N, C-alpha and C. Protein backbone atom coordinates (compact mmCIF):
# COMPACT_ATOMS: atom_id res chain seq x y z
N MET A 1 -2.65 15.46 26.10
CA MET A 1 -3.84 14.88 25.61
C MET A 1 -4.25 14.12 26.73
N SER A 2 -5.29 13.79 27.15
CA SER A 2 -5.78 13.30 28.46
C SER A 2 -5.65 11.85 28.13
N ALA A 3 -5.36 11.15 28.95
CA ALA A 3 -5.45 9.28 28.84
C ALA A 3 -6.53 9.35 28.25
N GLN A 4 -7.68 9.43 28.98
CA GLN A 4 -8.98 9.06 28.60
C GLN A 4 -9.74 9.38 27.14
N ASP A 5 -9.04 10.60 26.76
CA ASP A 5 -9.06 10.75 25.23
C ASP A 5 -8.47 9.85 24.60
N LYS A 6 -6.98 9.59 24.82
CA LYS A 6 -6.22 8.90 24.03
C LYS A 6 -6.87 7.64 23.86
N ALA A 7 -7.29 6.87 25.23
CA ALA A 7 -7.85 5.43 25.14
C ALA A 7 -9.21 5.44 24.19
N ALA A 8 -10.23 6.45 24.33
CA ALA A 8 -11.17 6.64 23.43
C ALA A 8 -10.75 6.66 22.00
N ASN A 9 -9.79 7.21 21.54
CA ASN A 9 -9.74 7.45 20.42
C ASN A 9 -8.70 6.17 19.61
N THR A 10 -8.05 5.25 20.76
CA THR A 10 -7.38 4.03 20.24
C THR A 10 -8.61 2.82 20.03
N GLY A 11 -9.48 3.25 20.81
CA GLY A 11 -10.81 2.25 20.99
C GLY A 11 -11.33 2.45 19.66
N ASP A 12 -11.57 3.67 19.15
CA ASP A 12 -12.51 3.66 18.19
C ASP A 12 -11.25 3.27 16.48
N LYS A 13 -10.20 3.17 16.81
CA LYS A 13 -9.00 2.88 15.85
C LYS A 13 -9.39 0.80 15.73
N ILE A 14 -9.24 0.47 16.86
CA ILE A 14 -9.34 -0.96 17.05
C ILE A 14 -10.76 -1.49 16.93
N LYS A 15 -11.84 -0.75 17.36
CA LYS A 15 -13.06 -1.19 16.58
C LYS A 15 -13.39 -1.13 15.10
N GLY A 16 -12.51 -0.09 14.62
CA GLY A 16 -12.50 0.08 13.05
C GLY A 16 -11.94 -1.02 12.60
N LYS A 17 -10.64 -1.26 13.07
CA LYS A 17 -10.00 -2.59 12.45
C LYS A 17 -10.98 -4.01 12.34
N ALA A 18 -11.39 -4.06 13.47
CA ALA A 18 -12.39 -5.29 14.06
C ALA A 18 -13.34 -4.90 12.81
N LYS A 19 -13.97 -4.14 12.64
CA LYS A 19 -15.15 -3.83 11.63
C LYS A 19 -14.92 -4.37 10.42
N GLU A 20 -13.54 -3.96 10.06
CA GLU A 20 -13.10 -3.99 8.71
C GLU A 20 -12.60 -4.95 8.36
N ALA A 21 -12.11 -6.14 9.31
CA ALA A 21 -11.72 -7.18 9.04
C ALA A 21 -13.01 -8.58 8.97
N ALA A 22 -13.92 -7.98 9.94
CA ALA A 22 -15.45 -8.69 9.79
C ALA A 22 -15.70 -8.69 8.41
N GLY A 23 -16.06 -7.73 7.88
CA GLY A 23 -16.34 -6.98 6.71
C GLY A 23 -15.73 -7.80 5.62
N ARG A 24 -14.25 -7.93 5.65
CA ARG A 24 -13.40 -8.87 4.78
C ARG A 24 -13.77 -10.14 4.49
N LEU A 25 -14.00 -10.77 5.91
CA LEU A 25 -14.41 -12.07 6.03
C LEU A 25 -15.45 -12.68 5.48
N THR A 26 -16.79 -11.78 5.71
CA THR A 26 -17.94 -12.25 5.40
C THR A 26 -18.48 -11.41 3.74
N GLY A 27 -17.48 -10.45 3.15
CA GLY A 27 -17.56 -10.10 1.81
C GLY A 27 -18.84 -8.98 2.15
N ASN A 28 -18.69 -8.01 3.16
CA ASN A 28 -19.92 -7.02 3.62
C ASN A 28 -18.72 -5.95 3.39
N GLU A 29 -19.53 -5.23 2.27
CA GLU A 29 -18.52 -4.12 1.65
C GLU A 29 -18.93 -2.96 2.49
N ARG A 30 -20.14 -2.77 3.07
CA ARG A 30 -20.57 -1.61 3.89
C ARG A 30 -19.96 -2.04 5.45
N LEU A 31 -20.16 -2.94 5.88
CA LEU A 31 -19.11 -3.09 6.96
C LEU A 31 -17.55 -3.04 6.93
N GLU A 32 -17.06 -3.35 6.01
CA GLU A 32 -15.66 -3.08 5.86
C GLU A 32 -15.78 -1.39 5.43
N ALA A 33 -16.07 -0.78 5.32
CA ALA A 33 -16.09 0.91 4.90
C ALA A 33 -16.54 1.53 6.17
N GLU A 34 -17.48 0.98 6.85
CA GLU A 34 -17.49 1.52 8.35
C GLU A 34 -16.36 1.22 9.17
N GLY A 35 -15.71 0.18 8.93
CA GLY A 35 -14.42 -0.18 9.62
C GLY A 35 -13.60 0.87 9.20
N GLN A 36 -13.32 1.44 7.94
CA GLN A 36 -12.19 2.37 7.86
C GLN A 36 -12.53 3.59 8.02
N ALA A 37 -14.15 3.94 8.09
CA ALA A 37 -14.18 5.14 8.61
C ALA A 37 -14.39 5.65 10.12
N ASP A 38 -14.22 4.37 10.79
CA ASP A 38 -14.26 4.80 12.35
C ASP A 38 -12.48 4.52 12.59
N GLN A 39 -11.75 3.97 11.94
CA GLN A 39 -9.98 4.21 12.12
C GLN A 39 -9.75 5.82 12.04
N VAL A 40 -10.50 5.94 10.68
CA VAL A 40 -10.14 7.43 10.32
C VAL A 40 -10.44 8.54 11.43
N LYS A 41 -11.84 8.14 11.80
CA LYS A 41 -12.40 9.17 12.95
C LYS A 41 -11.40 8.90 14.27
N GLY A 42 -10.94 7.91 14.46
CA GLY A 42 -9.95 7.70 15.57
C GLY A 42 -8.73 8.71 15.26
N ASP A 43 -8.15 8.52 13.91
CA ASP A 43 -6.96 9.43 13.66
C ASP A 43 -6.99 10.89 13.53
N ALA A 44 -8.55 11.22 13.12
CA ALA A 44 -8.39 12.59 13.29
C ALA A 44 -8.38 13.26 14.66
N LYS A 45 -9.43 12.24 15.48
CA LYS A 45 -9.41 12.85 17.04
C LYS A 45 -8.39 13.02 17.52
N GLN A 46 -7.43 11.87 17.67
CA GLN A 46 -6.05 11.90 17.79
C GLN A 46 -5.19 13.19 17.49
N ALA A 47 -5.47 13.58 16.11
CA ALA A 47 -4.29 14.62 15.47
C ALA A 47 -5.44 16.00 16.44
N GLY A 48 -6.31 15.79 16.41
CA GLY A 48 -6.93 16.89 17.16
C GLY A 48 -6.53 17.39 18.77
N GLU A 49 -6.11 16.04 19.24
CA GLU A 49 -5.91 16.51 20.57
C GLU A 49 -4.40 16.82 20.83
N LYS A 50 -3.70 15.84 19.80
CA LYS A 50 -2.52 16.61 19.78
C LYS A 50 -2.18 18.29 19.33
N ILE A 51 -2.96 18.84 18.46
CA ILE A 51 -2.88 20.26 18.54
C ILE A 51 -3.38 21.02 19.45
N LYS A 52 -4.58 20.53 20.16
CA LYS A 52 -4.97 20.95 21.43
C LYS A 52 -3.70 21.32 22.63
N ASP A 53 -2.87 20.08 22.32
CA ASP A 53 -1.82 19.70 23.64
C ASP A 53 -0.56 21.02 23.14
N VAL A 54 -0.36 21.09 21.65
CA VAL A 54 0.68 21.76 21.31
C VAL A 54 0.31 23.45 21.69
N PHE A 55 -1.15 24.00 21.32
CA PHE A 55 -1.26 25.18 22.18
C PHE A 55 -1.47 25.35 23.67
N LYS A 56 -1.78 24.46 24.33
CA LYS A 56 -1.50 24.70 25.80
C LYS A 56 -0.44 24.60 26.35
N ASP A 57 0.66 24.48 25.75
CA ASP A 57 1.74 24.75 26.27
C ASP A 57 2.61 26.04 25.80
């Protein structure tokens, strides 16, 4: 996994956590759900990158 991809995936997770927290604070369920979705997206991308790395070696 390239460092750039890893940073982007981590960025998605951090962005998701921030959105989720903001949604909780404001009572905005949609924003909270978007935050959770962003976190899942970051995790899925990271898992995909790890799988690619396994097959590269």
